[in-house]
C-alpha atoms as a PDB file:
ATOM      1  CA  ASN A   1     113.216 137.492  29.898  1.00  0.00           C
ATOM      2  CA  LYS A   2     114.222 139.028  33.205  1.00  0.00           C
ATOM      3  CA  GLU A   3     110.669 139.901  34.318  1.00  0.00           C
ATOM      4  CA  VAL A   4     109.349 136.382  33.654  1.00  0.00           C
ATOM      5  CA  ALA A   5     112.371 134.810  35.368  1.00  0.00           C
ATOM      6  CA  LEU A   6     111.896 136.988  38.455  1.00  0.00           C
ATOM      7  CA  GLY A   7     108.194 136.174  38.535  1.00  0.00           C
ATOM      8  CA  ILE A   8     108.897 132.429  38.418  1.00  0.00           C
ATOM      9  CA  PHE A   9     111.657 132.781  41.001  1.00  0.00           C
ATOM     10  CA  PHE A  10     109.535 134.578  43.606  1.00  0.00           C
ATOM     11  CA  ALA A  11     106.421 132.482  42.957  1.00  0.00           C
ATOM     12  CA  SER A  12     108.373 129.229  43.403  1.00  0.00           C
ATOM     13  CA  LYS A  13     108.682 129.792  47.152  1.00  0.00           C
ATOM     14  CA  ASP A  14     104.936 130.092  47.728  1.00  0.00           C
ATOM     15  CA  ILE A  15     104.179 127.193  45.380  1.00  0.00           C
ATOM     16  CA  CYS A  16     106.651 124.884  47.155  1.00  0.00           C
ATOM     17  CA  GLN A  17     105.532 126.056  50.592  1.00  0.00           C
ATOM     18  CA  MET A  18     101.914 125.277  49.692  1.00  0.00           C
ATOM     19  CA  SER A  19     102.830 121.910  48.152  1.00  0.00           C
ATOM     20  CA  PHE A  20     104.974 120.758  51.066  1.00  0.00           C
ATOM     21  CA  ALA A  21     102.618 121.907  53.846  1.00  0.00           C
ATOM     22  CA  PRO A  22     100.845 118.491  54.010  1.00  0.00           C
ATOM     23  CA  LEU A  23     104.232 116.749  54.226  1.00  0.00           C
ATOM     24  CA  ALA A  24     105.185 119.166  57.013  1.00  0.00           C
ATOM     25  CA  ALA A  25     102.074 118.066  58.913  1.00  0.00           C
ATOM     26  CA  ILE A  26     103.067 114.418  58.474  1.00  0.00           C
ATOM     27  CA  LEU A  27     106.634 115.131  59.639  1.00  0.00           C
ATOM     28  CA  THR A  28     105.363 116.978  62.719  1.00  0.00           C
ATOM     29  CA  SER A  29     102.804 114.293  63.532  1.00  0.00           C
ATOM     30  CA  LYS A  30     105.105 111.294  63.021  1.00  0.00           C
ATOM     31  CA  THR A  31     108.028 112.804  64.959  1.00  0.00           C
ATOM     32  CA  SER A  32     107.277 115.829  67.159  1.00  0.00           C
ATOM     33  CA  ALA A  33     106.904 119.571  66.805  1.00  0.00           C
ATOM     34  CA  ASN A  34     110.404 119.962  68.284  1.00  0.00           C
ATOM     35  CA  THR A  35     111.982 117.662  65.709  1.00  0.00           C
ATOM     36  CA  ALA A  36     110.086 119.191  62.781  1.00  0.00           C
ATOM     37  CA  LEU A  37     111.131 122.699  63.817  1.00  0.00           C
ATOM     38  CA  ILE A  38     114.808 121.800  64.188  1.00  0.00           C
ATOM     39  CA  VAL A  39     115.054 119.682  61.023  1.00  0.00           C
ATOM     40  CA  SER A  40     113.286 122.327  58.918  1.00  0.00           C
ATOM     41  CA  THR A  41     115.534 125.072  60.299  1.00  0.00           C
ATOM     42  CA  VAL A  42     118.577 123.055  59.267  1.00  0.00           C
ATOM     43  CA  GLY A  43     116.999 122.630  55.818  1.00  0.00           C
ATOM     44  CA  LEU A  44     116.416 126.377  55.616  1.00  0.00           C
ATOM     45  CA  GLY A  45     120.064 127.017  56.477  1.00  0.00           C
ATOM     46  CA  LEU A  46     121.290 124.593  53.805  1.00  0.00           C
ATOM     47  CA  ALA A  47     118.981 126.168  51.200  1.00  0.00           C
ATOM     48  CA  THR A  48     120.386 129.591  52.087  1.00  0.00           C
ATOM     49  CA  PHE A  49     123.925 128.234  51.659  1.00  0.00           C
ATOM     50  CA  VAL A  50     123.011 127.111  48.117  1.00  0.00           C
ATOM     51  CA  PHE A  51     122.267 130.752  47.271  1.00  0.00           C
ATOM     52  CA  ALA A  52     125.882 131.588  48.074  1.00  0.00           C
ATOM     53  CA  GLU A  53     127.313 128.932  45.791  1.00  0.00           C
ATOM     54  CA  ALA A  54     124.746 128.959  42.957  1.00  0.00           C
ATOM     55  CA  THR A  55     126.049 129.850  39.493  1.00  0.00           C
ATOM     56  CA  THR A  56     122.916 129.321  37.361  1.00  0.00           C
ATOM     57  CA  PHE A  57     119.282 130.418  37.477  1.00  0.00           C
ATOM     58  CA  TRP A  58     118.107 126.833  37.945  1.00  0.00           C
ATOM     59  CA  GLN A  59     120.294 126.407  41.019  1.00  0.00           C
ATOM     60  CA  LEU A  60     118.834 129.598  42.466  1.00  0.00           C
ATOM     61  CA  LEU A  61     115.328 128.359  41.627  1.00  0.00           C
ATOM     62  CA  LEU A  62     116.036 125.060  43.386  1.00  0.00           C
ATOM     63  CA  ALA A  63     117.284 126.909  46.469  1.00  0.00           C
ATOM     64  CA  ARG A  64     114.220 129.167  46.486  1.00  0.00           C
ATOM     65  CA  GLY A  65     111.913 126.163  46.253  1.00  0.00           C
ATOM     66  CA  ALA A  66     113.796 124.449  49.071  1.00  0.00           C
ATOM     67  CA  GLN A  67     113.322 127.567  51.170  1.00  0.00           C
ATOM     68  CA  GLY A  68     109.580 127.318  50.607  1.00  0.00           C
ATOM     69  CA  ALA A  69     109.494 123.643  51.572  1.00  0.00           C
ATOM     70  CA  ALA A  70     111.542 124.289  54.712  1.00  0.00           C
ATOM     71  CA  SER A  71     109.395 127.317  55.611  1.00  0.00           C
ATOM     72  CA  ALA A  72     106.285 125.128  55.536  1.00  0.00           C
ATOM     73  CA  ALA A  73     107.809 122.815  58.149  1.00  0.00           C
ATOM     74  CA  VAL A  74     109.149 125.728  60.220  1.00  0.00           C
ATOM     75  CA  MET A  75     105.691 127.293  60.431  1.00  0.00           C
ATOM     76  CA  CYS A  76     103.887 123.983  61.006  1.00  0.00           C
ATOM     77  CA  GLY A  77     106.346 122.764  63.642  1.00  0.00           C
ATOM     78  CA  GLY A  78     106.717 126.148  65.318  1.00  0.00           C
ATOM     79  CA  MET A  79     103.007 126.932  65.615  1.00  0.00           C
ATOM     80  CA  SER A  80     102.262 123.366  66.734  1.00  0.00           C
ATOM     81  CA  LEU A  81     104.927 123.595  69.440  1.00  0.00           C
ATOM     82  CA  ILE A  82     103.424 126.821  70.793  1.00  0.00           C
ATOM     83  CA  ALA A  83      99.903 125.378  70.716  1.00  0.00           C
ATOM     84  CA  GLU A  84     101.028 122.196  72.486  1.00  0.00           C
ATOM     85  CA  THR A  85     102.940 123.969  75.256  1.00  0.00           C
ATOM     86  CA  HIS A  86     100.616 126.899  76.028  1.00  0.00           C
ATOM     87  CA  PRO A  87      97.098 126.586  77.453  1.00  0.00           C
ATOM     88  CA  GLN A  88      94.243 128.529  75.935  1.00  0.00           C
ATOM     89  CA  ASN A  89      94.365 131.435  78.402  1.00  0.00           C
ATOM     90  CA  ILE A  90      97.927 132.476  77.413  1.00  0.00           C
ATOM     91  CA  ARG A  91      98.165 131.021  73.913  1.00  0.00           C
ATOM     92  CA  GLY A  92      97.362 134.321  72.187  1.00  0.00           C
ATOM     93  CA  SER A  93     100.259 136.184  73.810  1.00  0.00           C
ATOM     94  CA  ALA A  94     102.666 133.409  72.812  1.00  0.00           C
ATOM     95  CA  MET A  95     101.424 133.420  69.217  1.00  0.00           C
ATOM     96  CA  GLY A  96     101.661 137.221  69.141  1.00  0.00           C
ATOM     97  CA  LEU A  97     105.264 137.079  70.325  1.00  0.00           C
ATOM     98  CA  ALA A  98     106.113 134.566  67.590  1.00  0.00           C
ATOM     99  CA  GLN A  99     104.499 136.787  64.958  1.00  0.00           C
ATOM    100  CA  THR A 100     106.474 139.749  66.326  1.00  0.00           C
ATOM    101  CA  GLY A 101     109.694 137.836  65.702  1.00  0.00           C
ATOM    102  CA  LEU A 102     108.567 137.152  62.145  1.00  0.00           C
ATOM    103  CA  ALA A 103     107.766 140.831  61.604  1.00  0.00           C
ATOM    104  CA  PHE A 104     111.134 141.863  63.078  1.00  0.00           C
ATOM    105  CA  GLY A 105     112.895 139.603  60.587  1.00  0.00           C
ATOM    106  CA  LEU A 106     110.884 141.036  57.696  1.00  0.00           C
ATOM    107  CA  LEU A 107     111.723 144.551  58.881  1.00  0.00           C
ATOM    108  CA  CYS A 108     115.448 144.125  59.510  1.00  0.00           C
ATOM    109  CA  GLY A 109     116.339 141.399  57.014  1.00  0.00           C
ATOM    110  CA  PRO A 110     116.191 143.461  53.814  1.00  0.00           C
ATOM    111  CA  LEU A 111     117.958 146.424  55.443  1.00  0.00           C
ATOM    112  CA  ILE A 112     120.824 144.448  57.000  1.00  0.00           C
ATOM    113  CA  GLY A 113     121.026 142.095  54.012  1.00  0.00           C
ATOM    114  CA  GLY A 114     121.276 145.020  51.613  1.00  0.00           C
ATOM    115  CA  LEU A 115     124.077 146.653  53.596  1.00  0.00           C
ATOM    116  CA  LEU A 116     126.009 143.378  53.872  1.00  0.00           C
ATOM    117  CA  PHE A 117     125.487 142.680  50.175  1.00  0.00           C
ATOM    118  CA  GLN A 118     127.118 146.011  49.282  1.00  0.00           C
ATOM    119  CA  ARG A 119     130.083 145.444  51.595  1.00  0.00           C
ATOM    120  CA  LEU A 120     130.628 141.683  51.434  1.00  0.00           C
ATOM    121  CA  GLY A 121     129.097 140.634  48.134  1.00  0.00           C
ATOM    122  CA  ARG A 122     126.570 137.903  47.432  1.00  0.00           C
ATOM    123  CA  ARG A 123     128.519 134.820  48.492  1.00  0.00           C
ATOM    124  CA  ARG A 124     129.761 136.086  51.843  1.00  0.00           C
ATOM    125  CA  THR A 125     126.372 137.570  52.712  1.00  0.00           C
ATOM    126  CA  PHE A 126     124.490 134.338  52.050  1.00  0.00           C
ATOM    127  CA  ARG A 127     127.153 132.256  53.796  1.00  0.00           C
ATOM    128  CA  LEU A 128     126.805 134.467  56.854  1.00  0.00           C
ATOM    129  CA  ALA A 129     123.000 134.203  56.705  1.00  0.00           C
ATOM    130  CA  ALA A 130     123.211 130.399  56.374  1.00  0.00           C
ATOM    131  CA  GLY A 131     125.573 130.267  59.349  1.00  0.00           C
ATOM    132  CA  ILE A 132     123.143 132.292  61.463  1.00  0.00           C
ATOM    133  CA  VAL A 133     120.253 129.982  60.570  1.00  0.00           C
ATOM    134  CA  LEU A 134     122.276 126.850  61.361  1.00  0.00           C
ATOM    135  CA  ALA A 135     123.469 128.412  64.630  1.00  0.00           C
ATOM    136  CA  ASN A 136     119.818 129.039  65.448  1.00  0.00           C
ATOM    137  CA  ALA A 137     119.074 125.343  64.886  1.00  0.00           C
ATOM    138  CA  ALA A 138     121.968 124.388  67.176  1.00  0.00           C
ATOM    139  CA  ALA A 139     120.656 126.789  69.837  1.00  0.00           C
ATOM    140  CA  MET A 140     117.222 125.132  69.599  1.00  0.00           C
ATOM    141  CA  VAL A 141     118.780 121.718  70.212  1.00  0.00           C
ATOM    142  CA  GLY A 142     120.638 123.063  73.249  1.00  0.00           C
ATOM    143  CA  LEU A 143     117.668 124.913  74.728  1.00  0.00           C
ATOM    144  CA  MET A 144     115.245 122.036  74.227  1.00  0.00           C
ATOM    145  CA  GLY A 145     117.798 119.660  75.727  1.00  0.00           C
ATOM    146  CA  LEU A 146     118.276 121.813  78.819  1.00  0.00           C
ATOM    147  CA  ALA A 147     114.584 122.632  79.232  1.00  0.00           C
ATOM    148  CA  PRO A 148     112.372 120.205  77.284  1.00  0.00           C
ATOM    149  CA  PRO A 149     109.015 121.778  76.316  1.00  0.00           C
ATOM    150  CA  GLU A 150     106.191 120.693  78.624  1.00  0.00           C
ATOM    151  CA  ARG A 151     102.973 119.801  76.824  1.00  0.00           C
ATOM    152  CA  THR A 152      99.670 120.919  78.268  1.00  0.00           C
ATOM    153  CA  GLU A 153      97.704 118.188  80.005  1.00  0.00           C
ATOM    154  CA  GLN A 154      94.929 118.381  77.394  1.00  0.00           C
ATOM    155  CA  LYS A 155      97.328 117.787  74.498  1.00  0.00           C
ATOM    156  CA  GLU A 156      99.285 115.099  76.291  1.00  0.00           C
ATOM    157  CA  HIS A 157      96.308 112.905  77.082  1.00  0.00           C
ATOM    158  CA  GLY A 158      93.481 114.253  74.965  1.00  0.00           C
ATOM    159  CA  LYS A 159      89.930 114.820  76.125  1.00  0.00           C
ATOM    160  CA  ASN A 160      88.916 111.246  75.433  1.00  0.00           C
ATOM    161  CA  GLY A 161      92.265 109.677  76.289  1.00  0.00           C
ATOM    162  CA  LYS A 162      92.990 108.661  72.688  1.00  0.00           C
ATOM    163  CA  LYS A 163      95.184 110.134  69.963  1.00  0.00           C
ATOM    164  CA  SER A 164      93.496 110.588  66.598  1.00  0.00           C
ATOM    165  CA  SER A 165      95.163 109.242  63.466  1.00  0.00           C
ATOM    166  CA  LEU A 166      96.467 111.774  60.980  1.00  0.00           C
ATOM    167  CA  VAL A 167      93.971 110.718  58.304  1.00  0.00           C
ATOM    168  CA  ALA A 168      90.990 110.885  60.671  1.00  0.00           C
ATOM    169  CA  SER A 169      92.123 114.263  61.990  1.00  0.00           C
ATOM    170  CA  SER A 170      92.465 115.626  58.440  1.00  0.00           C
ATOM    171  CA  LYS A 171      89.002 114.466  57.417  1.00  0.00           C
ATOM    172  CA  ARG A 172      87.337 116.038  60.442  1.00  0.00           C
ATOM    173  CA  LEU A 173      89.193 119.310  59.915  1.00  0.00           C
ATOM    174  CA  LEU A 174      88.086 119.627  56.303  1.00  0.00           C
ATOM    175  CA  VAL A 175      84.393 119.237  57.180  1.00  0.00           C
ATOM    176  CA  ASN A 176      84.468 121.534  60.212  1.00  0.00           C
ATOM    177  CA  HIS A 177      82.763 124.814  59.262  1.00  0.00           C
ATOM    178  CA  ASP A 178      84.532 126.862  61.940  1.00  0.00           C
ATOM    179  CA  ILE A 179      87.983 125.688  60.845  1.00  0.00           C
ATOM    180  CA  MET A 180      87.196 126.400  57.200  1.00  0.00           C
ATOM    181  CA  ALA A 181      85.887 129.888  58.026  1.00  0.00           C
ATOM    182  CA  VAL A 182      89.132 130.826  59.813  1.00  0.00           C
ATOM    183  CA  THR A 183      91.170 129.268  56.994  1.00  0.00           C
ATOM    184  CA  ALA A 184      89.148 131.277  54.460  1.00  0.00           C
ATOM    185  CA  SER A 185      90.018 134.455  56.370  1.00  0.00           C
ATOM    186  CA  THR A 186      93.716 133.595  56.037  1.00  0.00           C
ATOM    187  CA  PHE A 187      93.276 133.026  52.311  1.00  0.00           C
ATOM    188  CA  ILE A 188      91.406 136.260  51.580  1.00  0.00           C
ATOM    189  CA  ILE A 189      93.656 138.428  53.798  1.00  0.00           C
ATOM    190  CA  HIS A 190      96.714 137.223  51.882  1.00  0.00           C
ATOM    191  CA  ALA A 191      94.906 137.537  48.550  1.00  0.00           C
ATOM    192  CA  VAL A 192      94.425 141.263  49.224  1.00  0.00           C
ATOM    193  CA  LEU A 193      98.061 141.531  50.308  1.00  0.00           C
ATOM    194  CA  GLY A 194      99.140 139.685  47.167  1.00  0.00           C
ATOM    195  CA  VAL A 195      97.410 142.119  44.819  1.00  0.00           C
ATOM    196  CA  ILE A 196      98.288 145.336  46.688  1.00  0.00           C
ATOM    197  CA  LYS A 197     102.023 144.561  46.826  1.00  0.00           C
ATOM    198  CA  PRO A 198     102.715 144.644  43.065  1.00  0.00           C
ATOM    199  CA  LEU A 199     100.151 147.361  42.321  1.00  0.00           C
ATOM    200  CA  SER A 200     101.598 149.631  45.000  1.00  0.00           C
ATOM    201  CA  GLN A 201     104.940 149.698  43.182  1.00  0.00           C
ATOM    202  CA  VAL A 202     103.208 150.683  39.930  1.00  0.00           C
ATOM    203  CA  VAL A 203     100.985 153.305  41.562  1.00  0.00           C
ATOM    204  CA  LEU A 204     103.759 154.935  43.600  1.00  0.00           C
ATOM    205  CA  ASP A 205     105.922 155.142  40.478  1.00  0.00           C
ATOM    206  CA  THR A 206     103.406 156.268  37.849  1.00  0.00           C
ATOM    207  CA  GLU A 207     100.960 158.315  39.945  1.00  0.00           C
ATOM    208  CA  PHE A 208     103.215 159.775  42.658  1.00  0.00           C
ATOM    209  CA  GLY A 209     106.599 159.709  40.871  1.00  0.00           C
ATOM    210  CA  MET A 210     108.451 158.121  43.789  1.00  0.00           C
ATOM    211  CA  THR A 211     111.943 156.705  43.518  1.00  0.00           C
ATOM    212  CA  MET A 212     112.683 153.096  44.467  1.00  0.00           C
ATOM    213  CA  MET A 213     114.055 154.168  47.854  1.00  0.00           C
ATOM    214  CA  LYS A 214     110.955 156.203  48.702  1.00  0.00           C
ATOM    215  CA  ARG A 215     108.694 153.366  47.550  1.00  0.00           C
ATOM    216  CA  SER A 216     110.544 150.955  49.834  1.00  0.00           C
ATOM    217  CA  PHE A 217     110.059 153.360  52.744  1.00  0.00           C
ATOM    218  CA  VAL A 218     106.308 153.566  52.103  1.00  0.00           C
ATOM    219  CA  ILE A 219     105.946 149.777  51.886  1.00  0.00           C
ATOM    220  CA  SER A 220     107.906 149.389  55.139  1.00  0.00           C
ATOM    221  CA  ILE A 221     105.061 151.201  56.929  1.00  0.00           C
ATOM    222  CA  ALA A 222     103.051 147.969  56.660  1.00  0.00           C
ATOM    223  CA  THR A 223     105.865 145.924  58.228  1.00  0.00           C
ATOM    224  CA  VAL A 224     106.233 148.400  61.107  1.00  0.00           C
ATOM    225  CA  ALA A 225     102.464 148.341  61.692  1.00  0.00           C
ATOM    226  CA  TYR A 226     102.549 144.527  61.649  1.00  0.00           C
ATOM    227  CA  PHE A 227     105.468 144.517  64.115  1.00  0.00           C
ATOM    228  CA  ILE A 228     103.657 146.825  66.552  1.00  0.00           C
ATOM    229  CA  THR A 229     100.232 145.210  66.220  1.00  0.00           C
ATOM    230  CA  ALA A 230     101.133 141.494  66.462  1.00  0.00           C
ATOM    231  CA  PRO A 231     102.105 141.354  70.175  1.00  0.00           C
ATOM    232  CA  PHE A 232      99.256 143.640  71.228  1.00  0.00           C
ATOM    233  CA  SER A 233      96.637 141.663  69.312  1.00  0.00           C
ATOM    234  CA  GLY A 234      98.049 138.435  70.748  1.00  0.00           C
ATOM    235  CA  TRP A 235      97.715 139.857  74.261  1.00  0.00           C
ATOM    236  CA  LEU A 236      94.232 141.108  73.434  1.00  0.00           C
ATOM    237  CA  SER A 237      93.137 137.706  72.107  1.00  0.00           C
ATOM    238  CA  ASP A 238      93.685 136.248  75.589  1.00  0.00           C
ATOM    239  CA  ARG A 239      91.171 138.746  76.952  1.00  0.00           C
ATOM    240  CA  MET A 240      88.406 138.952  74.356  1.00  0.00           C
ATOM    241  CA  SER A 241      86.692 136.885  71.690  1.00  0.00           C
ATOM    242  CA  ARG A 242      89.175 135.593  69.120  1.00  0.00           C
ATOM    243  CA  PRO A 243      86.534 135.234  66.380  1.00  0.00           C
ATOM    244  CA  ARG A 244      85.760 138.946  66.823  1.00  0.00           C
ATOM    245  CA  LEU A 245      89.426 139.804  66.356  1.00  0.00           C
ATOM    246  CA  VAL A 246      89.636 137.726  63.178  1.00  0.00           C
ATOM    247  CA  ALA A 247      86.472 139.452  61.907  1.00  0.00           C
ATOM    248  CA  LEU A 248      88.016 142.818  62.829  1.00  0.00           C
ATOM    249  CA  SER A 249      91.104 141.988  60.754  1.00  0.00           C
ATOM    250  CA  LEU A 250      88.854 141.323  57.742  1.00  0.00           C
ATOM    251  CA  VAL A 251      87.128 144.690  58.182  1.00  0.00           C
ATOM    252  CA  LEU A 252      90.517 146.418  58.499  1.00  0.00           C
ATOM    253  CA  MET A 253      91.795 144.755  55.319  1.00  0.00           C
ATOM    254  CA  SER A 254      88.637 145.827  53.504  1.00  0.00           C
ATOM    255  CA  GLY A 255      89.304 149.370  54.739  1.00  0.00           C
ATOM    256  CA  SER A 256      92.846 149.125  53.389  1.00  0.00           C
ATOM    257  CA  SER A 257      91.512 148.283  49.930  1.00  0.00           C
ATOM    258  CA  ALA A 258      89.077 151.214  50.162  1.00  0.00           C
ATOM    259  CA  PHE A 259      91.863 153.691  50.938  1.00  0.00           C
ATOM    260  CA  PHE A 260      93.835 152.269  48.018  1.00  0.00           C
ATOM    261  CA  ALA A 261      90.941 153.302  45.777  1.00  0.00           C
ATOM    262  CA  LEU A 262      90.860 156.754  47.462  1.00  0.00           C
ATOM    263  CA  ARG A 263      94.525 157.503  46.731  1.00  0.00           C
ATOM    264  CA  HIS A 264      93.484 160.286  44.326  1.00  0.00           C
ATOM    265  CA  LEU A 265      92.721 162.332  47.463  1.00  0.00           C
ATOM    266  CA  GLY A 266      96.415 162.426  48.263  1.00  0.00           C
ATOM    267  CA  ILE A 267      99.401 160.390  49.384  1.00  0.00           C
ATOM    268  CA  TRP A 268      97.972 160.301  52.930  1.00  0.00           C
ATOM    269  CA  ALA A 269      95.277 157.907  51.682  1.00  0.00           C
ATOM    270  CA  PHE A 270      97.927 155.531  50.380  1.00  0.00           C
ATOM    271  CA  TYR A 271      99.854 155.753  53.664  1.00  0.00           C
ATOM    272  CA  THR A 272      96.618 154.834  55.460  1.00  0.00           C
ATOM    273  CA  CYS A 273      96.080 151.921  53.076  1.00  0.00           C
ATOM    274  CA  VAL A 274      99.527 150.489  53.795  1.00  0.00           C
ATOM    275  CA  ALA A 275      99.256 151.033  57.560  1.00  0.00           C
ATOM    276  CA  LEU A 276      95.847 149.339  57.746  1.00  0.00           C
ATOM    277  CA  LEU A 277      97.214 146.429  55.726  1.00  0.00           C
ATOM    278  CA  GLY A 278      99.967 145.868  58.309  1.00  0.00           C
ATOM    279  CA  VAL A 279      97.546 146.182  61.234  1.00  0.00           C
ATOM    280  CA  ALA A 280      95.105 143.735  59.623  1.00  0.00           C
ATOM    281  CA  LEU A 281      97.888 141.184  59.104  1.00  0.00           C
ATOM    282  CA  GLY A 282      99.081 141.515  62.706  1.00  0.00           C
ATOM    283  CA  VAL A 283      95.584 141.083  64.130  1.00  0.00           C
ATOM    284  CA  GLN A 284      94.651 138.197  61.829  1.00  0.00           C
ATOM    285  CA  LYS A 285      97.822 136.162  62.257  1.00  0.00           C
ATOM    286  CA  SER A 286      98.000 136.423  66.057  1.00  0.00           C
ATOM    287  CA  SER A 287      94.311 135.754  66.657  1.00  0.00           C
ATOM    288  CA  SER A 288      93.681 133.135  63.935  1.00  0.00           C
ATOM    289  CA  THR A 289      96.606 130.897  64.950  1.00  0.00           C
ATOM    290  CA  SER A 290      95.306 130.877  68.536  1.00  0.00           C
ATOM    291  CA  LEU A 291      91.701 130.370  67.419  1.00  0.00           C
ATOM    292  CA  LEU A 292      92.621 127.382  65.234  1.00  0.00           C
ATOM    293  CA  ALA A 293      94.270 125.651  68.201  1.00  0.00           C
ATOM    294  CA  ASP A 294      91.204 126.422  70.349  1.00  0.00           C
ATOM    295  CA  LEU A 295      88.921 124.842  67.741  1.00  0.00           C
ATOM    296  CA  VAL A 296      91.112 121.731  67.537  1.00  0.00           C
ATOM    297  CA  ASP A 297      90.769 121.363  71.311  1.00  0.00           C
ATOM    298  CA  LYS A 298      87.054 122.161  71.384  1.00  0.00           C
ATOM    299  CA  HIS A 299      86.037 119.735  68.626  1.00  0.00           C
ATOM    300  CA  GLU A 300      88.673 117.120  69.540  1.00  0.00           C
ATOM    301  CA  LEU A 301      90.156 117.248  66.048  1.00  0.00           C
ATOM    302  CA  GLY A 302      93.468 115.657  66.971  1.00  0.00           C
ATOM    303  CA  GLU A 303      96.713 117.068  65.593  1.00  0.00           C
ATOM    304  CA  TYR A 304      97.567 120.762  65.655  1.00  0.00           C
ATOM    305  CA  SER A 305     100.028 120.173  62.822  1.00  0.00           C
ATOM    306  CA  VAL A 306      97.226 119.396  60.353  1.00  0.00           C
ATOM    307  CA  VAL A 307      95.318 122.609  61.009  1.00  0.00           C
ATOM    308  CA  TYR A 308      98.483 124.713  60.702  1.00  0.00           C
ATOM    309  CA  ALA A 309      99.395 122.950  57.466  1.00  0.00           C
ATOM    310  CA  LEU A 310      95.915 123.806  56.183  1.00  0.00           C
ATOM    311  CA  SER A 311      96.387 127.430  57.232  1.00  0.00           C
ATOM    312  CA  ASP A 312      99.785 127.518  55.503  1.00  0.00           C
ATOM    313  CA  VAL A 313      98.205 126.233  52.284  1.00  0.00           C
ATOM    314  CA  ALA A 314      95.566 128.988  52.501  1.00  0.00           C
ATOM    315  CA  ASP A 315      98.290 131.593  53.126  1.00  0.00           C
ATOM    316  CA  SER A 316     100.325 130.560  50.068  1.00  0.00           C
ATOM    317  CA  LEU A 317      97.257 130.048  47.882  1.00  0.00           C
ATOM    318  CA  GLY A 318      96.082 133.576  48.662  1.00  0.00           C
ATOM    319  CA  LEU A 319      99.454 135.013  47.663  1.00  0.00           C
ATOM    320  CA  ILE A 320      99.259 133.079  44.378  1.00  0.00           C
ATOM    321  CA  ILE A 321      95.595 133.496  43.370  1.00  0.00           C
ATOM    322  CA  GLY A 322      95.184 137.044  44.704  1.00  0.00           C
ATOM    323  CA  PRO A 323      97.648 138.646  42.279  1.00  0.00           C
ATOM    324  CA  ILE A 324      96.395 136.552  39.343  1.00  0.00           C
ATOM    325  CA  VAL A 325      92.737 137.555  39.777  1.00  0.00           C
ATOM    326  CA  GLY A 326      93.404 141.067  41.079  1.00  0.00           C
ATOM    327  CA  LEU A 327      95.887 142.019  38.370  1.00  0.00           C
ATOM    328  CA  TRP A 328      93.591 140.612  35.672  1.00  0.00           C
ATOM    329  CA  LEU A 329      90.731 142.772  36.970  1.00  0.00           C
ATOM    330  CA  SER A 330      93.118 145.726  37.125  1.00  0.00           C
ATOM    331  CA  GLN A 331      94.037 145.287  33.471  1.00  0.00           C
ATOM    332  CA  VAL A 332      90.425 144.868  32.331  1.00  0.00           C
ATOM    333  CA  PHE A 333      88.985 147.694  34.464  1.00  0.00           C
ATOM    334  CA  SER A 334      91.353 149.665  36.715  1.00  0.00           C
ATOM    335  CA  HIS A 335      93.824 149.235  39.570  1.00  0.00           C
ATOM    336  CA  SER A 336      91.172 150.243  42.082  1.00  0.00           C
ATOM    337  CA  VAL A 337      88.625 147.711  40.834  1.00  0.00           C
ATOM    338  CA  GLY A 338      91.105 144.849  41.162  1.00  0.00           C
ATOM    339  CA  VAL A 339      91.838 145.690  44.806  1.00  0.00           C
ATOM    340  CA  LEU A 340      88.260 146.600  45.779  1.00  0.00           C
ATOM    341  CA  ALA A 341      86.824 143.381  44.339  1.00  0.00           C
ATOM    342  CA  ILE A 342      89.001 141.191  46.547  1.00  0.00           C
ATOM    343  CA  GLY A 343      88.687 143.569  49.498  1.00  0.00           C
ATOM    344  CA  ALA A 344      84.896 143.295  49.321  1.00  0.00           C
ATOM    345  CA  LEU A 345      85.187 139.552  49.953  1.00  0.00           C
ATOM    346  CA  CYS A 346      86.653 140.378  53.366  1.00  0.00           C
ATOM    347  CA  LEU A 347      83.429 142.140  54.362  1.00  0.00           C
ATOM    348  CA  LEU A 348      81.355 139.204  53.148  1.00  0.00           C
ATOM    349  CA  LEU A 349      83.402 136.746  55.208  1.00  0.00           C
ATOM    350  CA  ALA A 350      83.461 138.773  58.454  1.00  0.00           C
ATOM    351  CA  PRO A 351      79.875 137.844  59.555  1.00  0.00           C
ATOM    352  CA  VAL A 352      80.636 134.161  58.922  1.00  0.00           C
ATOM    353  CA  VAL A 353      83.634 134.303  61.263  1.00  0.00           C
ATOM    354  CA  LEU A 354      81.578 136.122  63.922  1.00  0.00           C
ATOM    355  CA  ARG A 355      79.258 133.098  64.153  1.00  0.00           C
ATOM    356  CA  ILE A 356      82.051 130.963  65.595  1.00  0.00           C
ATOM    357  CA  GLN A 357      81.351 130.239  69.254  1.00  0.00           C
END
């Protein structure tokens, strides 16, 4: 069954990314953020190379799962490296720049990959992509060798002069209400994203009669909004309260779900829904990654890698549970009810995040 196979294939990445996030934290903690980032990038390149040579579905599934595992370490190592090397007053701008790079890849990857696929075929396209990823890893080794990252004084020595063990750091993170509130915001934001993505394809096809190309153009509005918003929100988070920005992202995502339900007013409502979704993601990702590092410093919680692994688990879990619950509600009631129900949780969580000092 093609539909079931595709569902398993795409879900395998998020499942493996969620499952390997704790191991990514251990790798980052036991080695360094630099090492974790480079090793995981090499792993990502090798997984991409498997796509070029795969001849069966199970080989493709293995490669997709390996991509998820490597992505967990890339995110954990990369975010930890930024947090370790940037003090609080400029950390938001650095995180925003990193999120901009991610958005740029999401925006250009499908377009360039599609064009190369038509001209070069599957194998050559994936070999080229794998080569680019491995070249990126080699460039990291060279750049970090020429200019080793300088840790901030606070991270290098710690406030109390001692380095917390990974187990102790994990336990304190899981009982910290502020950390869990920010992590919950990551989960619910991605849960809304997870349910809107599949439903948008159905709605644009059945209710607006759009072709696949037009549907792809509409969905790309979210990526463009994310790309534009991420650096600005990162810059803004260095100048205003980060908890307020995270709360704002929850309100924006709730607004996105509301405009999804108002699509009967016209296609403009759906455009607004998609644009708000991209803005909410840009604001939440740039501000929450900075806020998590701030909370680790404030409460002396030890390793940045653990908190980013926890955030990565929440991200993947939202993309898994969101569609399951939202699509079930959509089948029982309507498409709008499925989206609004999860979107309403964003409004309930916003006041909790605002209490963070």
